[in-house]
């Protein structure tokens, strides 16, 4: 009899909670229980969101940002409207604090939400609802906020805050990654790990919409999402060095270009394309003899690059004589 009463009591509690969630419009919401960080580099003004979760494609739900405006992380029982609506308010000049207050005030499911806003001036605000699954906390610091829910223990959020403060010498993207890694190393999501994302936006508004995200990386489904995110960030940085090398050549600074290309190769040494375009740049700038061993190595790995080389002069990408071209193709 006592057991039956106990089961009845539990059932009433579950039904009451379910009805409460339905009445507050959160029962139908997607949930991304997770840990995240919003942050601003006080030197460059760049802003970032980093997130990891045991949930598919967490970056699609949680992370929002716009150059010159701010960044948003919205999680737990996610209200995705906090992303675009928060950015719209901050774009109008509303501070992160006031923007979050305004949106939380009209959200009937605020007890189940976890949200952090950061604006281009460095104002930060965060909210952790009373009904977020423990361990759920947030810490707002100087130009950053770290927040987490459904964590293995209460040490995760403090570890994130310490990691962010302790890596001030790193570029913002790497610093955010270190923060996420600290969360995982301290226990992380009680369910495990599945996806991660990192966005970095610029301090000033982008001239074109496609230039808005300086970094925009997502790992939607992976056994070790932070490890994969770290790899992608390294590849991204390598290609940024390649782009810088191209700009250096445009400005007539071959020495600086070689430094940029060298930095790219150091980060991604197995990538043939980086080596190839470096060799092309050298050939175009009267350094053919130094470029020949690079071409030879690339052709030995994949002869399709030799075929591509034949096509470059017509496209204006390889500006050398016929004799010099033959010297490359005969390798």
Protein backbone atom coordinates (compact mmCIF):
# COMPACT_ATOMS: atom_id res chain seq x y z
CA UNK A 1 0.00 0.00 0.00
CA UNK A 2 2.80 2.39 0.94
CA UNK A 3 4.59 1.55 -2.32
CA UNK A 4 1.43 2.35 -4.34
CA UNK A 5 1.07 5.71 -2.59
CA UNK A 6 4.73 6.48 -3.30
CA UNK A 7 4.32 5.63 -7.01
CA UNK A 8 1.20 7.80 -7.14
CA UNK A 9 3.09 10.69 -5.54
CA UNK A 10 5.98 10.38 -8.04
CA UNK A 11 3.54 10.24 -10.93
CA UNK A 12 1.78 13.40 -9.76
CA UNK A 13 5.17 15.17 -9.47
CA UNK A 14 6.16 14.17 -13.01
CA UNK A 15 2.79 15.20 -14.46
CA UNK A 16 2.87 18.50 -12.55
CA UNK A 17 6.35 19.27 -13.88
CA UNK A 18 5.31 18.33 -17.41
CA UNK A 19 2.18 20.52 -17.29
CA UNK A 20 4.27 23.36 -15.84
CA UNK A 21 6.76 23.10 -18.69
CA UNK A 22 3.99 22.95 -21.28
CA UNK A 23 2.29 26.04 -19.83
CA UNK A 24 5.60 27.91 -20.01
CA UNK A 25 6.21 26.94 -23.66
CA UNK A 26 9.42 25.02 -22.98
CA UNK A 27 8.19 21.45 -23.37
CA UNK A 28 8.41 21.76 -27.16
CA UNK A 29 11.78 23.53 -27.16
CA UNK A 30 14.98 21.83 -28.24
CA UNK A 31 17.37 21.34 -25.36
CA UNK A 32 21.09 21.90 -25.62
CA UNK A 33 22.33 21.25 -22.11
CA UNK A 34 25.90 22.31 -22.37
CA UNK A 35 28.77 24.55 -21.36
CA UNK A 36 29.75 27.72 -23.19
CA UNK A 37 31.65 30.98 -23.04
CA UNK A 38 31.06 34.45 -24.47
CA UNK A 39 34.14 36.66 -24.46
CA UNK A 40 35.70 39.85 -25.80
CA UNK A 41 39.39 40.49 -26.43
CA UNK A 42 40.10 43.81 -24.72
CA UNK A 43 43.00 44.56 -27.10
CA UNK A 44 41.48 43.75 -30.49
CA UNK A 45 37.80 44.13 -29.57
CA UNK A 46 37.00 40.78 -31.21
CA UNK A 47 34.15 38.80 -29.64
CA UNK A 48 33.60 35.06 -29.47
CA UNK A 49 31.26 32.25 -28.49
CA UNK A 50 32.56 28.76 -27.76
CA UNK A 51 30.34 25.80 -26.88
CA UNK A 52 30.43 22.02 -26.38
CA UNK A 53 27.57 19.61 -25.68
CA UNK A 54 26.34 16.03 -25.80
CA UNK A 55 23.82 17.13 -28.42
CA UNK A 56 23.90 17.05 -32.20
CA UNK A 57 24.99 20.26 -33.97
CA UNK A 58 25.04 22.43 -30.86
CA UNK A 59 26.46 25.37 -32.80
CA UNK A 60 23.25 25.58 -34.79
CA UNK A 61 21.29 26.40 -31.63
CA UNK A 62 23.53 28.02 -29.05
CA UNK A 63 26.05 30.40 -30.65
CA UNK A 64 25.16 33.76 -32.20
CA UNK A 65 27.30 36.76 -33.07
CA UNK A 66 27.62 39.83 -35.27
CA UNK A 67 30.68 41.99 -35.91
CA UNK A 68 30.53 45.37 -34.19
CA UNK A 69 27.45 44.31 -32.22
CA UNK A 70 27.95 41.43 -29.80
CA UNK A 71 27.59 37.72 -29.12
CA UNK A 72 24.97 35.49 -27.52
CA UNK A 73 24.95 31.98 -26.06
CA UNK A 74 21.45 30.56 -25.47
CA UNK A 75 21.21 27.06 -24.00
CA UNK A 76 19.51 24.61 -21.62
CA UNK A 77 15.90 24.49 -22.95
CA UNK A 78 16.90 26.74 -25.82
CA UNK A 79 14.98 29.83 -26.79
CA UNK A 80 16.70 30.47 -30.15
CA UNK A 81 14.97 33.85 -30.46
CA UNK A 82 17.40 35.18 -27.85
CA UNK A 83 20.09 35.04 -30.56
CA UNK A 84 18.69 37.27 -33.31
CA UNK A 85 16.53 39.37 -30.98
CA UNK A 86 19.41 39.97 -28.58
CA UNK A 87 21.72 41.01 -31.41
CA UNK A 88 19.03 43.30 -32.83
CA UNK A 89 18.66 45.08 -29.49
CA UNK A 90 22.41 45.45 -29.03
CA UNK A 91 22.75 46.74 -32.59
CA UNK A 92 20.32 49.53 -31.65
CA UNK A 93 22.60 50.48 -28.77
CA UNK A 94 20.91 48.61 -25.93
CA UNK A 95 23.53 47.26 -23.53
CA UNK A 96 23.95 43.53 -23.08
CA UNK A 97 22.56 43.85 -19.55
CA UNK A 98 19.41 45.71 -20.57
CA UNK A 99 18.87 43.57 -23.66
CA UNK A 100 18.96 40.36 -21.65
CA UNK A 101 16.68 41.79 -18.96
CA UNK A 102 14.15 42.81 -21.59
CA UNK A 103 14.05 39.40 -23.28
CA UNK A 104 14.07 37.39 -20.05
CA UNK A 105 11.20 39.48 -18.65
CA UNK A 106 8.84 38.42 -21.42
CA UNK A 107 9.95 34.76 -21.62
CA UNK A 108 7.48 32.49 -19.82
CA UNK A 109 10.10 29.73 -19.81
CA UNK A 110 12.85 31.78 -18.17
CA UNK A 111 13.18 29.33 -15.28
CA UNK A 112 14.48 26.73 -17.78
CA UNK A 113 16.79 29.05 -19.74
CA UNK A 114 20.49 29.70 -19.52
CA UNK A 115 21.70 32.69 -21.54
CA UNK A 116 24.68 35.02 -21.80
CA UNK A 117 24.93 38.31 -23.70
CA UNK A 118 28.07 40.37 -24.44
CA UNK A 119 28.12 43.62 -26.42
CA UNK A 120 30.84 45.41 -28.38
CA UNK A 121 31.60 47.70 -25.43
CA UNK A 122 32.40 44.74 -23.20
CA UNK A 123 29.20 44.77 -21.15
CA UNK A 124 28.27 41.23 -20.08
CA UNK A 125 25.15 39.71 -18.57
CA UNK A 126 24.06 36.13 -17.87
CA UNK A 127 20.99 34.28 -16.60
CA UNK A 128 20.65 30.77 -15.20
CA UNK A 129 17.06 29.75 -14.51
CA UNK A 130 16.17 28.04 -11.24
CA UNK A 131 14.94 24.95 -13.11
CA UNK A 132 18.09 24.37 -15.17
CA UNK A 133 19.41 20.86 -14.53
CA UNK A 134 22.22 20.80 -12.00
CA UNK A 135 25.05 21.30 -11.93
CA UNK A 136 24.10 24.68 -13.42
CA UNK A 137 26.00 27.91 -12.81
CA UNK A 138 27.45 30.96 -14.50
CA UNK A 139 30.32 33.32 -13.69
CA UNK A 140 30.48 36.81 -15.19
CA UNK A 141 33.97 38.27 -15.36
CA UNK A 142 35.72 41.18 -17.04
CA UNK A 143 34.59 41.05 -20.69
CA UNK A 144 33.50 37.40 -20.47
CA UNK A 145 30.93 35.02 -19.06
CA UNK A 146 31.14 31.23 -18.64
CA UNK A 147 28.01 29.15 -18.09
CA UNK A 148 27.04 25.52 -17.90
CA UNK A 149 24.16 23.23 -17.01
CA UNK A 150 23.78 19.46 -16.60
CA UNK A 151 27.45 19.23 -15.67
CA UNK A 152 29.06 16.34 -13.82
CA UNK A 153 30.06 18.58 -10.90
CA UNK A 154 30.19 22.13 -9.56
CA UNK A 155 33.87 22.55 -10.46
CA UNK A 156 33.30 22.97 -14.20
CA UNK A 157 32.30 26.64 -14.34
CA UNK A 158 35.04 27.90 -11.96
CA UNK A 159 37.60 25.90 -13.98
CA UNK A 160 36.39 27.63 -17.15
CA UNK A 161 36.73 31.09 -15.60
CA UNK A 162 40.25 30.35 -14.38
CA UNK A 163 41.33 28.91 -17.73
CA UNK A 164 40.09 31.97 -19.60
CA UNK A 165 41.91 34.34 -17.26
CA UNK A 166 45.09 32.26 -17.31
CA UNK A 167 45.45 32.28 -21.12
CA UNK A 168 45.29 36.02 -21.78
CA UNK A 169 48.38 35.77 -24.00
CA UNK A 170 46.57 33.71 -26.66
CA UNK A 171 44.48 34.90 -29.61
CA UNK A 172 40.79 34.93 -28.69
CA UNK A 173 39.83 31.76 -30.58
CA UNK A 174 42.58 29.73 -28.93
CA UNK A 175 41.80 31.23 -25.54
CA UNK A 176 38.15 30.20 -25.84
CA UNK A 177 39.19 26.69 -26.88
CA UNK A 178 41.41 26.40 -23.79
CA UNK A 179 38.38 27.39 -21.70
CA UNK A 180 36.22 24.65 -23.23
CA UNK A 181 39.00 22.10 -22.74
CA UNK A 182 39.24 23.05 -19.08
CA UNK A 183 35.52 22.37 -18.69
CA UNK A 184 35.86 18.94 -20.26
CA UNK A 185 38.93 18.08 -18.22
CA UNK A 186 37.08 18.98 -15.01
CA UNK A 187 34.12 16.72 -15.74
CA UNK A 188 32.12 18.42 -18.45
CA UNK A 189 28.64 17.40 -19.53
CA UNK A 190 27.40 14.52 -17.37
CA UNK A 191 26.19 12.73 -20.52
CA UNK A 192 29.49 12.96 -22.39
CA UNK A 193 30.35 14.87 -25.55
CA UNK A 194 29.16 15.05 -29.16
CA UNK A 195 29.42 18.47 -30.82
CA UNK A 196 31.19 21.81 -30.47
CA UNK A 197 31.37 25.20 -32.16
CA UNK A 198 33.44 28.38 -32.20
CA UNK A 199 32.63 31.74 -33.73
CA UNK A 200 34.71 34.93 -33.59
CA UNK A 201 33.43 38.25 -34.89
CA UNK A 202 35.24 41.54 -35.39
CA UNK A 203 35.16 44.65 -33.23
CA UNK A 204 33.75 46.80 -36.04
CA UNK A 205 30.79 46.06 -38.32
CA UNK A 206 31.62 44.09 -41.44
CA UNK A 207 31.29 45.86 -44.79
CA UNK A 208 29.73 42.74 -46.32
CA UNK A 209 27.58 40.05 -44.70
CA UNK A 210 29.93 37.27 -45.85
CA UNK A 211 32.78 38.94 -43.95
CA UNK A 212 30.91 39.03 -40.65
CA UNK A 213 32.48 35.94 -39.05
CA UNK A 214 36.26 36.00 -38.65
CA UNK A 215 36.09 32.38 -37.45
CA UNK A 216 33.07 30.13 -37.93
CA UNK A 217 33.81 26.49 -37.07
CA UNK A 218 31.40 23.69 -36.19
CA UNK A 219 31.85 20.05 -35.26
CA UNK A 220 28.33 18.64 -35.50
CA UNK A 221 28.93 15.01 -34.55
CA UNK A 222 32.22 13.60 -33.28
CA UNK A 223 33.58 11.29 -30.58
CA UNK A 224 36.02 14.01 -29.50
CA UNK A 225 34.50 17.30 -30.65
CA UNK A 226 36.96 19.60 -28.87
CA UNK A 227 39.91 17.70 -30.28
CA UNK A 228 38.43 18.07 -33.75
CA UNK A 229 37.63 21.74 -33.13
CA UNK A 230 41.25 22.30 -32.14
CA UNK A 231 42.40 20.69 -35.39
CA UNK A 232 40.02 22.80 -37.45
CA UNK A 233 41.16 25.98 -35.70
CA UNK A 234 44.76 25.11 -36.54
CA UNK A 235 43.84 24.54 -40.20
CA UNK A 236 41.88 27.79 -40.24
CA UNK A 237 44.89 29.67 -38.85
CA UNK A 238 47.17 28.06 -41.43
CA UNK A 239 44.97 29.23 -44.29
CA UNK A 240 44.86 32.71 -42.78
CA UNK A 241 48.66 32.75 -42.99
CA UNK A 242 48.39 31.66 -46.64
CA UNK A 243 45.99 34.51 -47.34
CA UNK A 244 48.39 36.91 -45.63
CA UNK A 245 51.23 35.60 -47.78
CA UNK A 246 49.22 36.36 -50.91
CA UNK A 247 48.58 39.89 -49.66
CA UNK A 248 52.27 40.33 -48.88
CA UNK A 249 53.10 39.44 -52.50
CA UNK A 250 50.51 41.90 -53.76
CA UNK A 251 52.31 44.54 -51.70
CA UNK A 252 55.66 43.51 -53.16
CA UNK A 253 57.09 42.12 -49.93
CA UNK A 254 58.43 38.69 -50.89
CA UNK A 255 60.40 38.23 -47.66
CA UNK A 256 57.32 38.78 -45.54
CA UNK A 257 55.31 36.51 -47.85
CA UNK A 258 57.79 33.68 -47.31
CA UNK A 259 57.44 34.15 -43.56
CA UNK A 260 53.65 33.92 -43.84
CA UNK A 261 53.78 30.84 -46.07
CA UNK A 262 56.31 29.26 -43.72
CA UNK A 263 54.02 29.82 -40.74
CA UNK A 264 51.17 28.16 -42.65
CA UNK A 265 53.28 25.11 -43.52
CA UNK A 266 54.43 24.76 -39.94
CA UNK A 267 50.83 24.47 -38.78
CA UNK A 268 49.72 22.17 -41.61
CA UNK A 269 52.86 20.47 -42.98
CA UNK A 270 51.06 17.63 -44.77
CA UNK A 271 48.94 19.94 -46.94
CA UNK A 272 50.15 19.87 -50.56
CA UNK A 273 48.10 22.85 -51.66
CA UNK A 274 49.89 25.22 -49.31
CA UNK A 275 53.25 24.04 -50.62
CA UNK A 276 52.02 24.31 -54.20
CA UNK A 277 50.83 27.91 -54.10
CA UNK A 278 53.96 28.89 -52.25
CA UNK A 279 55.99 27.41 -55.12
CA UNK A 280 53.83 29.23 -57.67
CA UNK A 281 54.37 32.51 -55.85
CA UNK A 282 58.12 31.90 -55.81
CA UNK A 283 58.18 31.09 -59.53
CA UNK A 284 56.22 34.24 -60.30
CA UNK A 285 58.72 36.29 -58.31
CA UNK A 286 61.94 35.15 -59.98
CA UNK A 287 62.71 32.40 -57.47
CA UNK A 288 62.14 29.47 -59.82
CA UNK A 289 65.26 27.54 -58.83
CA UNK A 290 64.18 27.56 -55.18
CA UNK A 291 60.65 26.56 -56.20
CA UNK A 292 61.65 23.55 -58.36
CA UNK A 293 62.31 21.13 -55.46
CA UNK A 294 58.90 22.01 -54.01
CA UNK A 295 57.16 21.35 -57.34
CA UNK A 296 59.06 18.07 -57.68
CA UNK A 297 57.97 16.88 -54.23
CA UNK A 298 54.33 17.78 -54.91
CA UNK A 299 54.28 16.04 -58.33
CA UNK A 300 55.72 12.90 -56.77
CA UNK A 301 52.86 12.84 -54.26
CA UNK A 302 50.08 13.55 -56.75
CA UNK A 303 50.64 14.08 -60.47
CA UNK A 304 47.36 15.98 -60.84
CA UNK A 305 49.24 19.03 -59.61
CA UNK A 306 51.46 18.80 -62.71
CA UNK A 307 48.33 18.85 -64.88
CA UNK A 308 47.03 21.85 -62.99
CA UNK A 309 50.33 23.64 -63.53
CA UNK A 310 49.88 23.34 -67.32
CA UNK A 311 46.59 25.23 -67.01
CA UNK A 312 47.73 28.12 -64.84
CA UNK A 313 49.45 30.31 -67.48
CA UNK A 314 46.24 30.62 -69.52
CA UNK A 315 44.41 31.74 -66.36
CA UNK A 316 47.14 34.29 -65.62
CA UNK A 317 48.13 32.59 -62.35
CA UNK A 318 51.59 31.48 -63.46
CA UNK A 319 53.42 34.31 -65.19
CA UNK A 320 56.63 32.66 -66.39
CA UNK A 321 58.18 31.96 -69.79
CA UNK A 322 57.49 28.84 -71.84
CA UNK A 323 61.00 27.60 -71.12
CA UNK A 324 60.51 28.07 -67.38
CA UNK A 325 57.16 26.26 -67.53
CA UNK A 326 58.79 23.35 -69.36
CA UNK A 327 61.45 23.20 -66.68
CA UNK A 328 58.73 22.72 -64.05
CA UNK A 329 56.71 20.19 -66.04
CA UNK A 330 59.78 18.09 -66.84
CA UNK A 331 60.49 17.42 -63.18
